[in-house]
Amino acid sequence: MVTSDAPATLEIVAEPPALMLFARLVKVSIDIDGALARVRWGTNAFAVAPGEHVVAVGSGYNFNSKGVLTVSVAAGETVRLRYTPHFIKNFRGKLVVERLPEMRIVKR
């Protein structure tokens, strides 16, 4: 059972296209409700309060090409966002939501 005060999780997977050879040299900028984090490419998880959150993800210092979504998460829920930057530098990247199913314990 999940209580209402349990934190939710936003898991952000940022992967550059294979042809963007030098993309991994710069960090990814992740903005959740105005709190900016500069992280490495790959999977990053953030604990957030249940409710609606505005998430923006972009690569490097050029935050003009960011993908932006408003995501609603419930207590104890994990929502995965997948970000792929556009091959052309100033074009908006793609940010999509993947809801993860709750884990269930099966008794044998």
Protein backbone atom coordinates (compact mmCIF):
# COMPACT_ATOMS: atom_id res chain seq x y z
CA MET A 1 0.00 0.00 0.00
CA VAL A 2 1.30 3.45 -0.93
CA THR A 3 0.66 6.35 1.45
CA SER A 4 -0.17 9.80 0.12
CA ASP A 5 3.06 11.28 1.49
CA ALA A 6 5.27 8.81 -0.40
CA PRO A 7 7.50 10.58 -2.95
CA ALA A 8 7.10 10.03 -6.64
CA THR A 9 9.99 9.46 -9.05
CA LEU A 10 10.78 11.07 -12.37
CA GLU A 11 13.26 8.94 -14.29
CA ILE A 12 14.77 10.78 -17.23
CA VAL A 13 16.58 8.83 -19.94
CA ALA A 14 18.64 11.07 -22.24
CA GLU A 15 20.31 9.42 -25.21
CA PRO A 16 21.82 11.23 -28.20
CA PRO A 17 21.38 9.79 -31.70
CA ALA A 18 24.28 7.62 -32.89
CA LEU A 19 25.34 10.17 -35.50
CA MET A 20 25.85 12.90 -32.90
CA LEU A 21 29.40 11.75 -32.16
CA PHE A 22 30.42 14.63 -29.89
CA ALA A 23 27.13 15.06 -28.02
CA ARG A 24 28.39 13.16 -24.97
CA LEU A 25 31.08 15.80 -24.42
CA VAL A 26 28.48 18.21 -23.02
CA LYS A 27 26.12 17.57 -20.13
CA VAL A 28 22.35 17.38 -20.25
CA SER A 29 20.32 20.17 -18.63
CA ILE A 30 17.22 18.99 -16.75
CA ASP A 31 14.84 21.58 -15.34
CA ILE A 32 12.08 20.33 -13.00
CA ASP A 33 9.80 23.12 -11.77
CA GLY A 34 12.57 25.69 -12.10
CA ALA A 35 15.30 23.61 -10.39
CA LEU A 36 18.10 23.10 -12.92
CA ALA A 37 20.39 20.06 -12.84
CA ARG A 38 23.36 19.48 -15.16
CA VAL A 39 23.89 15.72 -15.46
CA ARG A 40 25.59 13.17 -17.71
CA TRP A 41 23.81 11.41 -20.57
CA GLY A 42 21.99 8.23 -19.59
CA THR A 43 19.38 7.51 -16.93
CA ASN A 44 18.87 9.96 -14.05
CA ALA A 45 16.20 9.66 -11.34
CA PHE A 46 14.71 12.52 -9.33
CA ALA A 47 12.44 12.24 -6.27
CA VAL A 48 9.54 14.69 -6.53
CA ALA A 49 6.36 15.40 -4.62
CA PRO A 50 3.16 13.88 -6.04
CA GLY A 51 1.32 16.22 -8.40
CA GLU A 52 2.01 18.13 -11.62
CA HIS A 53 5.53 19.06 -12.64
CA VAL A 54 6.91 21.00 -15.59
CA VAL A 55 9.97 19.19 -16.97
CA ALA A 56 12.36 20.60 -19.56
CA VAL A 57 15.34 18.65 -20.93
CA GLY A 58 17.98 19.98 -23.28
CA SER A 59 21.59 19.36 -24.20
CA GLY A 60 24.53 21.61 -23.51
CA TYR A 61 24.32 25.29 -22.81
CA ASN A 62 21.97 25.84 -25.75
CA PHE A 63 18.76 25.30 -23.82
CA ASN A 64 16.72 26.63 -26.80
CA SER A 65 16.48 23.11 -28.22
CA LYS A 66 14.87 21.69 -25.08
CA GLY A 67 11.87 19.41 -24.95
CA VAL A 68 9.18 20.51 -22.47
CA LEU A 69 6.33 18.51 -20.88
CA THR A 70 3.92 18.87 -17.97
CA VAL A 71 3.74 15.54 -16.15
CA SER A 72 1.35 14.42 -13.43
CA VAL A 73 2.66 11.77 -11.01
CA ALA A 74 0.91 9.99 -8.16
CA ALA A 75 2.42 9.07 -4.80
CA GLY A 76 4.86 6.16 -5.18
CA GLU A 77 4.61 6.21 -8.98
CA THR A 78 7.61 6.21 -11.31
CA VAL A 79 7.28 8.05 -14.60
CA ARG A 80 10.01 7.64 -17.20
CA LEU A 81 10.69 10.46 -19.65
CA ARG A 82 12.82 9.73 -22.71
CA TYR A 83 14.70 12.64 -24.32
CA THR A 84 16.35 12.58 -27.74
CA PRO A 85 17.90 15.80 -29.07
CA HIS A 86 17.26 16.83 -32.66
CA PHE A 87 20.16 16.26 -35.05
CA ILE A 88 20.03 19.95 -36.02
CA LYS A 89 21.32 22.01 -33.10
CA ASN A 90 18.54 24.60 -32.64
CA PHE A 91 15.56 22.36 -33.37
CA ARG A 92 13.43 21.21 -30.44
CA GLY A 93 14.33 17.80 -29.01
CA LYS A 94 11.82 14.99 -28.50
CA LEU A 95 10.57 14.32 -24.95
CA VAL A 96 8.05 11.49 -24.45
CA VAL A 97 6.43 9.88 -21.39
CA GLU A 98 6.59 6.18 -20.52
CA ARG A 99 4.51 5.17 -17.50
CA LEU A 100 6.07 2.26 -15.65
CA PRO A 101 3.74 -0.35 -14.14
CA GLU A 102 3.75 -0.78 -10.39
CA MET A 103 5.81 -3.69 -9.17
CA ARG A 104 3.70 -6.53 -7.84
CA ILE A 105 4.82 -9.27 -5.48
CA VAL A 106 3.56 -12.67 -6.46
CA LYS A 107 3.43 -15.36 -3.77
CA ARG A 108 4.33 -18.88 -4.82
